[in-house]
């Protein structure tokens, strides 16, 4: 007769299967109901020792995975172009087209997408990101509007400025079958005048022609 697996063995098997079958990460399944009975009086000390060993094994593995992901994220941040809120990336657009041997003919499009209201700190620029920047006469946001140079300055900006609930993006699409290029992006409350929109498009078109 085949020996019936213990609760601990079932828990181990179930957890490992869950980890292996989920490429996005660890996912909860029916494991807790197995663990909930591990401390019952009918379990022998040997199983409790195995459990501690097994939990330590999983903890070490998860810790190692976290370290690897942190290293990859840090490398990606250093090796990729940093996008500054409100800044047009015309030189990067030209480089993008030349690297792929694409023509300079593109079409521009814009869109405002609803986002989660959140203010964050950008360590590279020492700026607060997520507040609504003031627009200039061309309908463009003033770059470096929210410098985080002191606690008092941060406090005043958070109290006096609106938080962005939309992300406005301007995309440049090559005429060839390639992915579009992010030309500019900035947070907004989606409140623009007609003149600001027209001036923004006029300026963007003129700058693209000169690039």
N, C-alpha and C. Protein backbone atom coordinates (compact mmCIF):
# COMPACT_ATOMS: atom_id res chain seq x y z
N UNK A 1 0.85 -1.19 0.00
CA UNK A 1 0.00 0.00 0.00
C UNK A 1 0.89 1.25 0.00
N UNK A 2 0.51 2.23 -0.85
CA UNK A 2 1.29 3.46 -0.95
C UNK A 2 1.14 4.28 0.31
N UNK A 3 2.29 4.74 0.84
CA UNK A 3 2.28 5.53 2.07
C UNK A 3 1.66 6.90 1.80
N UNK A 4 0.74 7.28 2.67
CA UNK A 4 0.06 8.56 2.52
C UNK A 4 1.00 9.70 2.94
N UNK A 5 1.05 10.76 2.15
CA UNK A 5 1.93 11.89 2.44
C UNK A 5 1.47 12.61 3.70
N UNK A 6 2.43 13.07 4.49
CA UNK A 6 2.10 13.82 5.70
C UNK A 6 1.63 15.22 5.33
N UNK A 7 1.07 15.91 6.33
CA UNK A 7 0.62 17.28 6.08
C UNK A 7 1.79 18.17 5.63
N UNK A 8 2.94 17.99 6.25
CA UNK A 8 4.10 18.80 5.91
C UNK A 8 4.54 18.55 4.47
N UNK A 9 4.56 17.29 4.07
CA UNK A 9 4.95 16.95 2.71
C UNK A 9 3.97 17.53 1.70
N UNK A 10 2.70 17.48 2.05
CA UNK A 10 1.68 18.07 1.17
C UNK A 10 1.86 19.57 1.05
N UNK A 11 2.17 20.21 2.18
CA UNK A 11 2.38 21.66 2.19
C UNK A 11 3.58 22.04 1.33
N UNK A 12 4.67 21.29 1.48
CA UNK A 12 5.86 21.56 0.70
C UNK A 12 5.59 21.40 -0.79
N UNK A 13 4.96 20.32 -1.15
CA UNK A 13 4.66 20.04 -2.55
C UNK A 13 3.75 21.11 -3.15
N UNK A 14 2.74 21.51 -2.37
CA UNK A 14 1.79 22.51 -2.86
C UNK A 14 2.45 23.87 -3.05
N UNK A 15 3.29 24.27 -2.12
CA UNK A 15 3.95 25.57 -2.21
C UNK A 15 4.92 25.63 -3.37
N UNK A 16 5.73 24.59 -3.53
CA UNK A 16 6.67 24.56 -4.64
C UNK A 16 5.96 24.57 -5.98
N UNK A 17 4.86 23.84 -6.08
CA UNK A 17 4.09 23.81 -7.32
C UNK A 17 3.52 25.18 -7.63
N UNK A 18 3.08 25.88 -6.58
CA UNK A 18 2.53 27.22 -6.76
C UNK A 18 3.58 28.19 -7.25
N UNK A 19 4.80 28.09 -6.68
CA UNK A 19 5.90 28.98 -7.07
C UNK A 19 6.31 28.73 -8.51
N UNK A 20 6.40 27.46 -8.89
CA UNK A 20 6.88 27.12 -10.22
C UNK A 20 5.86 27.45 -11.31
N UNK A 21 4.59 27.44 -10.97
CA UNK A 21 3.56 27.65 -11.99
C UNK A 21 3.19 29.10 -12.16
N UNK A 22 3.80 30.00 -11.40
CA UNK A 22 3.43 31.40 -11.47
C UNK A 22 4.63 32.24 -11.85
N UNK A 23 4.81 32.59 -13.14
CA UNK A 23 5.99 33.35 -13.57
C UNK A 23 6.03 34.76 -13.01
N UNK A 24 4.87 35.31 -12.61
CA UNK A 24 4.86 36.67 -12.08
C UNK A 24 5.34 36.73 -10.64
N UNK A 25 5.38 35.62 -9.94
CA UNK A 25 5.82 35.64 -8.55
C UNK A 25 5.07 34.62 -7.73
N UNK A 26 5.18 34.74 -6.44
CA UNK A 26 4.55 33.79 -5.54
C UNK A 26 3.07 34.11 -5.39
N UNK A 27 2.27 33.09 -5.47
CA UNK A 27 0.83 33.28 -5.40
C UNK A 27 0.25 32.40 -4.30
N UNK A 28 -0.67 32.98 -3.55
CA UNK A 28 -1.28 32.24 -2.46
C UNK A 28 -2.27 31.21 -2.99
N UNK A 29 -2.25 30.03 -2.44
CA UNK A 29 -3.24 29.02 -2.83
C UNK A 29 -3.86 28.44 -1.57
N UNK A 30 -3.92 27.11 -1.47
CA UNK A 30 -4.54 26.48 -0.31
C UNK A 30 -3.53 26.12 0.75
N UNK A 31 -2.30 26.62 0.62
CA UNK A 31 -1.23 26.26 1.55
C UNK A 31 -1.55 26.60 3.00
N UNK A 32 -2.10 27.80 3.29
CA UNK A 32 -2.33 28.15 4.70
C UNK A 32 -3.13 27.13 5.49
N UNK A 33 -4.07 26.46 4.86
CA UNK A 33 -4.87 25.50 5.61
C UNK A 33 -4.03 24.30 6.05
N UNK A 34 -2.98 23.98 5.29
CA UNK A 34 -2.06 22.93 5.71
C UNK A 34 -1.20 23.40 6.88
N UNK A 35 -0.67 24.60 6.76
CA UNK A 35 0.19 25.13 7.81
C UNK A 35 -0.56 25.36 9.12
N UNK A 36 -1.84 25.65 8.98
CA UNK A 36 -2.64 25.95 10.18
C UNK A 36 -2.70 24.78 11.14
N UNK A 37 -2.51 23.56 10.63
CA UNK A 37 -2.63 22.39 11.49
C UNK A 37 -1.27 21.82 11.88
N UNK A 38 -0.19 22.49 11.48
CA UNK A 38 1.13 21.94 11.75
C UNK A 38 1.49 21.94 13.23
N UNK A 39 0.86 22.82 13.98
CA UNK A 39 1.16 22.89 15.41
C UNK A 39 0.19 22.08 16.27
N UNK A 40 -0.67 21.31 15.65
CA UNK A 40 -1.58 20.47 16.41
C UNK A 40 -0.82 19.36 17.14
N UNK A 41 -1.39 18.86 18.21
CA UNK A 41 -0.71 17.90 19.08
C UNK A 41 -0.37 16.59 18.39
N UNK A 42 -1.05 16.26 17.26
CA UNK A 42 -0.82 14.97 16.64
C UNK A 42 0.40 14.95 15.72
N UNK A 43 1.06 16.13 15.55
CA UNK A 43 2.27 16.17 14.74
C UNK A 43 3.49 15.93 15.60
N UNK A 44 4.40 15.18 15.09
CA UNK A 44 5.60 14.85 15.86
C UNK A 44 6.62 15.97 15.74
N UNK A 45 7.57 15.98 16.66
CA UNK A 45 8.59 17.02 16.68
C UNK A 45 9.40 17.02 15.39
N UNK A 46 9.60 15.83 14.83
CA UNK A 46 10.38 15.72 13.60
C UNK A 46 9.79 16.59 12.50
N UNK A 47 8.49 16.57 12.35
CA UNK A 47 7.86 17.37 11.31
C UNK A 47 8.03 18.86 11.58
N UNK A 48 7.97 19.26 12.85
CA UNK A 48 8.17 20.67 13.19
C UNK A 48 9.59 21.11 12.84
N UNK A 49 10.55 20.24 13.06
CA UNK A 49 11.94 20.55 12.69
C UNK A 49 12.07 20.67 11.18
N UNK A 50 11.41 19.77 10.45
CA UNK A 50 11.43 19.85 9.00
C UNK A 50 10.79 21.14 8.51
N UNK A 51 9.72 21.53 9.17
CA UNK A 51 9.04 22.76 8.79
C UNK A 51 9.95 23.97 8.95
N UNK A 52 10.64 24.05 10.09
CA UNK A 52 11.54 25.17 10.31
C UNK A 52 12.65 25.20 9.25
N UNK A 53 13.16 24.04 8.91
CA UNK A 53 14.18 23.95 7.89
C UNK A 53 13.65 24.37 6.52
N UNK A 54 12.44 23.94 6.24
CA UNK A 54 11.83 24.26 4.95
C UNK A 54 11.52 25.75 4.83
N UNK A 55 11.01 26.35 5.90
CA UNK A 55 10.72 27.79 5.91
C UNK A 55 12.00 28.60 5.73
N UNK A 56 13.08 28.16 6.38
CA UNK A 56 14.37 28.85 6.23
C UNK A 56 14.86 28.76 4.79
N UNK A 57 14.67 27.58 4.19
CA UNK A 57 15.08 27.40 2.79
C UNK A 57 14.33 28.38 1.89
N UNK A 58 13.01 28.48 2.09
CA UNK A 58 12.22 29.39 1.27
C UNK A 58 12.61 30.85 1.51
N UNK A 59 12.86 31.19 2.78
CA UNK A 59 13.26 32.56 3.12
C UNK A 59 14.56 32.94 2.43
N UNK A 60 15.52 32.02 2.44
CA UNK A 60 16.81 32.28 1.78
C UNK A 60 16.62 32.46 0.28
N UNK A 61 15.76 31.61 -0.31
CA UNK A 61 15.55 31.71 -1.75
C UNK A 61 14.89 33.04 -2.12
N UNK A 62 13.87 33.43 -1.34
CA UNK A 62 13.18 34.69 -1.62
C UNK A 62 14.12 35.87 -1.43
N UNK A 63 14.97 35.80 -0.41
CA UNK A 63 15.95 36.87 -0.16
C UNK A 63 16.92 36.99 -1.32
N UNK A 64 17.38 35.84 -1.83
CA UNK A 64 18.31 35.86 -2.96
C UNK A 64 17.65 36.45 -4.20
N UNK A 65 16.38 36.06 -4.42
CA UNK A 65 15.65 36.59 -5.57
C UNK A 65 15.48 38.09 -5.47
N UNK A 66 15.19 38.57 -4.26
CA UNK A 66 15.03 40.02 -4.06
C UNK A 66 16.33 40.75 -4.37
N UNK A 67 17.46 40.20 -3.95
CA UNK A 67 18.75 40.83 -4.22
C UNK A 67 19.05 40.90 -5.71
N UNK A 68 18.72 39.82 -6.42
CA UNK A 68 18.94 39.78 -7.86
C UNK A 68 18.08 40.83 -8.57
N UNK A 69 16.80 40.91 -8.20
CA UNK A 69 15.90 41.88 -8.83
C UNK A 69 16.33 43.31 -8.53
N UNK A 70 16.82 43.55 -7.31
CA UNK A 70 17.28 44.89 -6.95
C UNK A 70 18.49 45.29 -7.79
N UNK A 71 19.40 44.33 -8.02
CA UNK A 71 20.58 44.59 -8.83
C UNK A 71 20.20 44.88 -10.28
N UNK A 72 19.28 44.10 -10.81
CA UNK A 72 18.82 44.30 -12.19
C UNK A 72 18.15 45.67 -12.34
N UNK A 73 17.31 46.03 -11.37
CA UNK A 73 16.62 47.32 -11.42
C UNK A 73 17.60 48.48 -11.35
N UNK A 74 18.61 48.36 -10.49
CA UNK A 74 19.62 49.41 -10.37
C UNK A 74 20.41 49.56 -11.66
N UNK A 75 20.76 48.43 -12.28
CA UNK A 75 21.51 48.47 -13.55
C UNK A 75 20.65 49.10 -14.65
N UNK A 76 19.38 48.74 -14.70
CA UNK A 76 18.49 49.28 -15.73
C UNK A 76 18.33 50.79 -15.57
N UNK A 77 18.25 51.25 -14.33
CA UNK A 77 18.10 52.68 -14.09
C UNK A 77 19.33 53.46 -14.54
N UNK A 78 20.52 52.89 -14.33
CA UNK A 78 21.76 53.57 -14.69
C UNK A 78 22.02 53.53 -16.20
N UNK A 79 21.55 52.49 -16.86
CA UNK A 79 21.88 52.29 -18.28
C UNK A 79 20.81 52.80 -19.23
N UNK A 80 19.72 53.34 -18.72
CA UNK A 80 18.66 53.85 -19.58
C UNK A 80 18.54 55.36 -19.43
N UNK A 81 17.97 56.00 -20.45
CA UNK A 81 17.79 57.44 -20.41
C UNK A 81 16.76 57.81 -19.36
N UNK A 82 17.09 58.84 -18.61
CA UNK A 82 16.17 59.30 -17.58
C UNK A 82 15.23 60.35 -18.16
N UNK A 83 13.93 60.13 -17.99
CA UNK A 83 12.93 61.05 -18.53
C UNK A 83 12.60 62.09 -17.47
N UNK A 84 12.81 63.36 -17.81
CA UNK A 84 12.50 64.46 -16.91
C UNK A 84 11.10 64.98 -17.23
N UNK A 85 10.28 65.13 -16.23
CA UNK A 85 8.91 65.57 -16.43
C UNK A 85 8.86 66.93 -17.12
N UNK A 86 8.09 66.99 -18.24
CA UNK A 86 7.91 68.25 -18.96
C UNK A 86 9.00 68.58 -19.95
N UNK A 87 10.03 67.78 -20.04
CA UNK A 87 11.15 68.06 -20.93
C UNK A 87 10.98 67.34 -22.27
N UNK A 88 11.10 68.10 -23.37
CA UNK A 88 11.00 67.49 -24.69
C UNK A 88 12.31 66.79 -25.03
N UNK A 89 12.22 65.61 -25.62
CA UNK A 89 13.38 64.77 -25.89
C UNK A 89 13.69 64.73 -27.39
N UNK A 90 13.93 65.90 -27.97
CA UNK A 90 14.19 65.97 -29.41
C UNK A 90 15.51 65.30 -29.80
N UNK A 91 16.62 65.52 -29.09
CA UNK A 91 17.86 64.82 -29.47
C UNK A 91 17.72 63.30 -29.38
N UNK A 92 17.01 62.82 -28.36
CA UNK A 92 16.80 61.38 -28.22
C UNK A 92 15.93 60.83 -29.34
N UNK A 93 14.96 61.64 -29.81
CA UNK A 93 14.11 61.23 -30.91
C UNK A 93 14.93 61.06 -32.19
N UNK A 94 15.80 62.02 -32.47
CA UNK A 94 16.66 61.93 -33.66
C UNK A 94 17.54 60.70 -33.58
N UNK A 95 18.11 60.43 -32.40
CA UNK A 95 18.97 59.26 -32.22
C UNK A 95 18.19 57.98 -32.42
N UNK A 96 16.95 57.96 -31.91
CA UNK A 96 16.08 56.79 -32.05
C UNK A 96 15.83 56.49 -33.53
N UNK A 97 15.57 57.51 -34.33
CA UNK A 97 15.29 57.33 -35.75
C UNK A 97 16.55 56.92 -36.51
N UNK A 98 17.68 57.53 -36.19
CA UNK A 98 18.92 57.22 -36.90
C UNK A 98 19.42 55.81 -36.59
N UNK A 99 19.31 55.40 -35.33
CA UNK A 99 19.78 54.06 -34.95
C UNK A 99 19.03 52.97 -35.70
N UNK A 100 17.78 53.23 -36.03
CA UNK A 100 16.95 52.23 -36.70
C UNK A 100 16.82 52.48 -38.20
N UNK A 101 17.62 53.49 -38.67
CA UNK A 101 17.63 53.83 -40.09
C UNK A 101 16.22 54.15 -40.60
N UNK A 102 15.52 54.94 -39.81
CA UNK A 102 14.18 55.37 -40.16
C UNK A 102 14.24 56.79 -40.72
N UNK A 103 13.28 57.13 -41.53
CA UNK A 103 13.22 58.48 -42.06
C UNK A 103 12.81 59.48 -40.99
N UNK A 104 12.96 60.73 -41.32
CA UNK A 104 12.61 61.79 -40.37
C UNK A 104 11.12 62.14 -40.42
N UNK A 105 10.37 61.44 -41.24
CA UNK A 105 8.94 61.71 -41.34
C UNK A 105 8.21 60.97 -40.22
N UNK A 106 7.53 61.70 -39.39
CA UNK A 106 6.78 61.14 -38.25
C UNK A 106 5.45 61.86 -38.12
N UNK A 107 4.58 61.28 -37.32
CA UNK A 107 3.37 62.01 -36.96
C UNK A 107 3.24 62.02 -35.45
N UNK A 108 2.74 63.12 -34.93
CA UNK A 108 2.64 63.34 -33.49
C UNK A 108 1.23 63.10 -33.00
N UNK A 109 1.13 62.57 -31.81
CA UNK A 109 -0.19 62.38 -31.18
C UNK A 109 -0.04 62.63 -29.69
N UNK A 110 -1.12 63.01 -29.07
CA UNK A 110 -1.08 63.24 -27.62
C UNK A 110 -2.30 62.61 -26.97
N UNK A 111 -2.20 62.41 -25.68
CA UNK A 111 -3.32 61.81 -24.94
C UNK A 111 -3.14 62.09 -23.46
N UNK A 112 -4.24 62.18 -22.77
CA UNK A 112 -4.22 62.33 -21.32
C UNK A 112 -4.83 61.10 -20.69
N UNK A 113 -4.09 60.43 -19.85
CA UNK A 113 -4.53 59.18 -19.24
C UNK A 113 -4.71 59.35 -17.74
N UNK A 114 -5.83 58.88 -17.24
CA UNK A 114 -6.10 58.95 -15.81
C UNK A 114 -5.08 58.11 -15.03
N UNK A 115 -4.53 58.66 -13.97
CA UNK A 115 -3.53 57.95 -13.19
C UNK A 115 -3.89 58.00 -11.71
N UNK A 116 -3.19 57.18 -10.94
CA UNK A 116 -3.36 57.18 -9.50
C UNK A 116 -2.72 58.43 -8.92
N UNK A 117 -3.44 59.10 -8.05
CA UNK A 117 -2.94 60.34 -7.44
C UNK A 117 -1.82 59.99 -6.46
N UNK A 118 -0.61 60.44 -6.77
CA UNK A 118 0.53 60.11 -5.92
C UNK A 118 1.68 61.07 -6.20
N UNK A 119 2.34 61.54 -5.15
CA UNK A 119 3.51 62.40 -5.28
C UNK A 119 4.74 61.58 -4.89
N UNK A 120 5.76 61.63 -5.75
CA UNK A 120 6.98 60.87 -5.51
C UNK A 120 8.20 61.78 -5.58
N UNK A 121 9.31 61.26 -5.09
CA UNK A 121 10.57 62.00 -5.10
C UNK A 121 11.51 61.39 -6.13
N UNK A 122 12.02 62.23 -7.03
CA UNK A 122 12.96 61.78 -8.06
C UNK A 122 14.38 62.04 -7.56
N UNK A 123 15.10 60.96 -7.27
CA UNK A 123 16.44 61.10 -6.69
C UNK A 123 17.44 61.69 -7.67
N UNK A 124 17.24 61.48 -8.96
CA UNK A 124 18.20 61.97 -9.95
C UNK A 124 18.14 63.48 -10.11
N UNK A 125 16.95 64.04 -10.04
CA UNK A 125 16.79 65.48 -10.27
C UNK A 125 16.50 66.26 -9.00
N UNK A 126 16.33 65.55 -7.88
CA UNK A 126 15.99 66.20 -6.61
C UNK A 126 14.69 66.99 -6.74
N UNK A 127 13.71 66.35 -7.38
CA UNK A 127 12.43 67.00 -7.65
C UNK A 127 11.28 66.18 -7.08
N UNK A 128 10.17 66.87 -6.78
CA UNK A 128 8.92 66.20 -6.49
C UNK A 128 8.19 65.98 -7.80
N UNK A 129 7.70 64.77 -8.01
CA UNK A 129 6.97 64.44 -9.23
C UNK A 129 5.56 64.02 -8.83
N UNK A 130 4.59 64.58 -9.52
CA UNK A 130 3.20 64.24 -9.22
C UNK A 130 2.33 65.45 -8.95
N UNK A 131 2.97 66.63 -8.83
CA UNK A 131 2.24 67.88 -8.67
C UNK A 131 1.99 68.50 -10.04
N UNK A 132 0.97 69.35 -10.15
CA UNK A 132 0.63 69.97 -11.42
C UNK A 132 1.56 71.16 -11.67
N UNK A 133 2.42 71.07 -12.70
CA UNK A 133 3.35 72.18 -12.98
C UNK A 133 2.64 73.34 -13.66
N UNK A 134 3.17 74.53 -13.45
CA UNK A 134 2.64 75.72 -14.11
C UNK A 134 3.02 75.70 -15.59
N UNK A 135 2.09 76.12 -16.45
CA UNK A 135 2.34 76.14 -17.88
C UNK A 135 2.83 77.50 -18.33
N UNK A 136 3.77 77.50 -19.31
CA UNK A 136 4.26 78.77 -19.83
C UNK A 136 3.36 79.23 -20.97
N UNK A 137 3.79 80.28 -21.68
CA UNK A 137 2.93 80.85 -22.74
C UNK A 137 2.76 79.91 -23.92
N UNK A 138 3.65 78.92 -24.03
CA UNK A 138 3.53 77.93 -25.11
C UNK A 138 2.72 76.71 -24.70
N UNK A 139 2.13 76.76 -23.51
CA UNK A 139 1.34 75.63 -23.04
C UNK A 139 2.17 74.48 -22.55
N UNK A 140 3.46 74.74 -22.27
CA UNK A 140 4.38 73.70 -21.80
C UNK A 140 4.66 73.86 -20.32
N UNK A 141 4.85 72.76 -19.62
CA UNK A 141 5.14 72.84 -18.19
C UNK A 141 6.54 73.38 -17.94
N UNK A 142 6.70 74.13 -16.89
CA UNK A 142 8.02 74.62 -16.52
C UNK A 142 8.81 73.49 -15.88
N UNK A 143 9.92 73.14 -16.51
CA UNK A 143 10.76 72.06 -16.02
C UNK A 143 11.42 72.46 -14.70
N UNK A 144 11.61 71.49 -13.83
CA UNK A 144 12.23 71.73 -12.51
C UNK A 144 11.42 72.72 -11.68
N UNK A 145 10.11 72.51 -11.67
CA UNK A 145 9.23 73.41 -10.92
C UNK A 145 9.19 73.11 -9.43
N UNK A 146 9.48 71.86 -9.05
CA UNK A 146 9.28 71.45 -7.66
C UNK A 146 10.56 70.87 -7.07
N UNK A 147 11.54 71.75 -6.86
CA UNK A 147 12.81 71.34 -6.28
C UNK A 147 12.62 71.00 -4.80
N UNK A 148 13.13 69.84 -4.42
CA UNK A 148 13.00 69.39 -3.02
C UNK A 148 14.27 69.74 -2.26
N UNK A 149 14.52 71.04 -2.05
CA UNK A 149 15.78 71.46 -1.44
C UNK A 149 15.70 71.63 0.07
N UNK A 150 14.50 71.55 0.62
CA UNK A 150 14.37 71.64 2.08
C UNK A 150 13.03 71.06 2.50
N UNK A 151 12.94 70.68 3.75
CA UNK A 151 11.69 70.12 4.27
C UNK A 151 10.58 71.16 4.23
N UNK A 152 10.92 72.41 4.53
CA UNK A 152 9.92 73.47 4.54
C UNK A 152 9.39 73.73 3.13
N UNK A 153 10.30 73.71 2.15
CA UNK A 153 9.89 73.93 0.76
C UNK A 153 8.98 72.80 0.27
N UNK A 154 9.33 71.57 0.63
CA UNK A 154 8.49 70.42 0.25
C UNK A 154 7.11 70.55 0.87
N UNK A 155 7.06 70.96 2.13
CA UNK A 155 5.79 71.11 2.83
C UNK A 155 4.92 72.16 2.15
N UNK A 156 5.51 73.31 1.80
CA UNK A 156 4.75 74.38 1.16
C UNK A 156 4.23 73.96 -0.22
N UNK A 157 5.02 73.22 -0.95
CA UNK A 157 4.58 72.77 -2.28
C UNK A 157 3.44 71.78 -2.18
N UNK A 158 3.52 70.88 -1.21
CA UNK A 158 2.45 69.90 -1.04
C UNK A 158 1.15 70.55 -0.60
N UNK A 159 1.25 71.63 0.18
CA UNK A 159 0.06 72.31 0.68
C UNK A 159 -0.56 73.26 -0.35
N UNK A 160 0.28 73.83 -1.22
CA UNK A 160 -0.21 74.88 -2.11
C UNK A 160 -0.46 74.42 -3.54
N UNK A 161 0.09 73.29 -3.95
CA UNK A 161 -0.06 72.84 -5.33
C UNK A 161 -1.05 71.68 -5.45
N UNK A 162 -1.68 71.61 -6.61
CA UNK A 162 -2.61 70.51 -6.88
C UNK A 162 -1.82 69.26 -7.27
N UNK A 163 -2.41 68.11 -6.98
CA UNK A 163 -1.78 66.84 -7.34
C UNK A 163 -2.32 66.38 -8.69
N UNK A 164 -1.44 65.92 -9.55
CA UNK A 164 -1.83 65.48 -10.89
C UNK A 164 -2.72 64.25 -10.81
N UNK A 165 -3.79 64.25 -11.58
CA UNK A 165 -4.63 63.06 -11.69
C UNK A 165 -4.71 62.55 -13.13
N UNK A 166 -3.93 63.20 -14.02
CA UNK A 166 -3.81 62.75 -15.41
C UNK A 166 -2.33 62.82 -15.79
N UNK A 167 -1.93 61.93 -16.70
CA UNK A 167 -0.59 61.99 -17.28
C UNK A 167 -0.75 62.33 -18.75
N UNK A 168 -0.18 63.47 -19.13
CA UNK A 168 -0.26 63.92 -20.52
C UNK A 168 1.00 63.46 -21.24
N UNK A 169 0.84 62.78 -22.36
CA UNK A 169 1.99 62.27 -23.11
C UNK A 169 1.90 62.74 -24.57
N UNK A 170 3.06 63.03 -25.13
CA UNK A 170 3.16 63.38 -26.54
C UNK A 170 4.06 62.35 -27.20
N UNK A 171 3.54 61.62 -28.18
CA UNK A 171 4.24 60.52 -28.81
C UNK A 171 4.60 60.87 -30.26
N UNK A 172 5.77 60.37 -30.68
CA UNK A 172 6.20 60.52 -32.07
C UNK A 172 6.20 59.13 -32.72
N UNK A 173 5.39 58.98 -33.74
CA UNK A 173 5.25 57.69 -34.41
C UNK A 173 5.96 57.71 -35.77
N UNK A 174 7.01 56.88 -35.96
CA UNK A 174 7.65 56.78 -37.28
C UNK A 174 6.64 56.26 -38.31
N UNK A 175 6.87 56.62 -39.57
CA UNK A 175 5.97 56.16 -40.63
C UNK A 175 6.16 54.67 -40.88
N UNK A 176 7.36 54.15 -40.57
CA UNK A 176 7.61 52.71 -40.70
C UNK A 176 6.95 51.98 -39.55
N UNK A 177 6.94 50.66 -39.65
CA UNK A 177 6.27 49.83 -38.64
C UNK A 177 7.20 49.62 -37.45
N UNK A 178 7.36 50.68 -36.64
CA UNK A 178 8.18 50.61 -35.44
C UNK A 178 7.39 51.22 -34.28
N UNK A 179 7.85 50.89 -33.08
CA UNK A 179 7.18 51.41 -31.87
C UNK A 179 7.28 52.93 -31.82
N UNK A 180 6.27 53.60 -31.29
CA UNK A 180 6.33 55.06 -31.14
C UNK A 180 7.36 55.46 -30.09
N UNK A 181 7.76 56.73 -30.14
CA UNK A 181 8.77 57.26 -29.23
C UNK A 181 8.11 58.27 -28.30
N UNK A 182 8.42 58.15 -27.01
CA UNK A 182 7.87 59.09 -26.03
C UNK A 182 8.65 60.40 -26.10
N UNK A 183 8.00 61.43 -26.61
CA UNK A 183 8.66 62.71 -26.81
C UNK A 183 8.60 63.59 -25.55
N UNK A 184 7.49 63.55 -24.85
CA UNK A 184 7.34 64.37 -23.65
C UNK A 184 6.21 63.83 -22.80
N UNK A 185 6.33 64.01 -21.49
CA UNK A 185 5.25 63.61 -20.60
C UNK A 185 5.28 64.48 -19.35
N UNK A 186 4.10 64.75 -18.82
CA UNK A 186 4.02 65.52 -17.57
C UNK A 186 2.66 65.33 -16.93
N UNK A 187 2.62 65.51 -15.63
CA UNK A 187 1.37 65.39 -14.89
C UNK A 187 0.52 66.63 -15.06
N UNK A 188 -0.78 66.45 -14.99
CA UNK A 188 -1.69 67.56 -15.19
C UNK A 188 -3.03 67.30 -14.50
N UNK A 189 -3.80 68.35 -14.33
CA UNK A 189 -5.18 68.20 -13.85
C UNK A 189 -6.15 68.24 -15.02
N UNK A 190 -5.58 68.18 -16.24
CA UNK A 190 -6.35 68.14 -17.49
C UNK A 190 -7.12 69.43 -17.73
N UNK A 191 -6.57 70.54 -17.27
CA UNK A 191 -7.21 71.85 -17.48
C UNK A 191 -6.29 72.69 -18.36
N UNK A 192 -6.68 72.84 -19.63
CA UNK A 192 -5.91 73.63 -20.59
C UNK A 192 -6.85 74.61 -21.28
N UNK A 193 -6.30 75.75 -21.68
CA UNK A 193 -7.05 76.66 -22.53
C UNK A 193 -6.80 76.27 -23.99
N UNK A 194 -7.68 76.71 -24.87
CA UNK A 194 -7.52 76.42 -26.30
C UNK A 194 -6.21 76.97 -26.82
N UNK A 195 -5.84 78.18 -26.38
CA UNK A 195 -4.60 78.80 -26.83
C UNK A 195 -3.38 78.01 -26.38
N UNK A 196 -3.41 77.47 -25.16
CA UNK A 196 -2.28 76.69 -24.66
C UNK A 196 -2.09 75.43 -25.50
N UNK A 197 -3.17 74.78 -25.87
CA UNK A 197 -3.09 73.57 -26.68
C UNK A 197 -2.53 73.88 -28.07
N UNK A 198 -3.02 74.94 -28.69
CA UNK A 198 -2.56 75.32 -30.02
C UNK A 198 -1.08 75.71 -30.00
N UNK A 199 -0.68 76.48 -28.99
CA UNK A 199 0.71 76.91 -28.89
C UNK A 199 1.64 75.72 -28.64
N UNK A 200 1.18 74.76 -27.85
CA UNK A 200 2.00 73.58 -27.58
C UNK A 200 2.23 72.78 -28.86
N UNK A 201 1.19 72.61 -29.64
CA UNK A 201 1.34 71.87 -30.89
C UNK A 201 2.19 72.63 -31.89
N UNK A 202 2.03 73.94 -31.94
CA UNK A 202 2.82 74.76 -32.85
C UNK A 202 4.30 74.68 -32.52
N UNK A 203 4.63 74.77 -31.24
CA UNK A 203 6.02 74.70 -30.80
C UNK A 203 6.61 73.33 -31.06
N UNK A 204 5.87 72.26 -30.73
CA UNK A 204 6.36 70.90 -30.91
C UNK A 204 6.63 70.62 -32.39
N UNK A 205 5.73 71.05 -33.27
CA UNK A 205 5.90 70.82 -34.71
C UNK A 205 7.13 71.56 -35.23
N UNK A 206 7.32 72.81 -34.77
CA UNK A 206 8.46 73.59 -35.22
C UNK A 206 9.78 72.97 -34.76
N UNK A 207 9.81 72.51 -33.52
CA UNK A 207 11.04 71.90 -32.99
C UNK A 207 11.37 70.58 -33.67
N UNK A 208 10.36 69.81 -34.01
CA UNK A 208 10.59 68.54 -34.69
C UNK A 208 11.19 68.80 -36.08
N UNK A 209 10.72 69.82 -36.77
CA UNK A 209 11.24 70.13 -38.10
C UNK A 209 12.70 70.56 -38.05
N UNK A 210 13.10 71.20 -36.96
CA UNK A 210 14.48 71.66 -36.81
C UNK A 210 15.42 70.55 -36.34
N UNK A 211 14.86 69.52 -35.71
CA UNK A 211 15.70 68.47 -35.13
C UNK A 211 16.42 67.64 -36.19
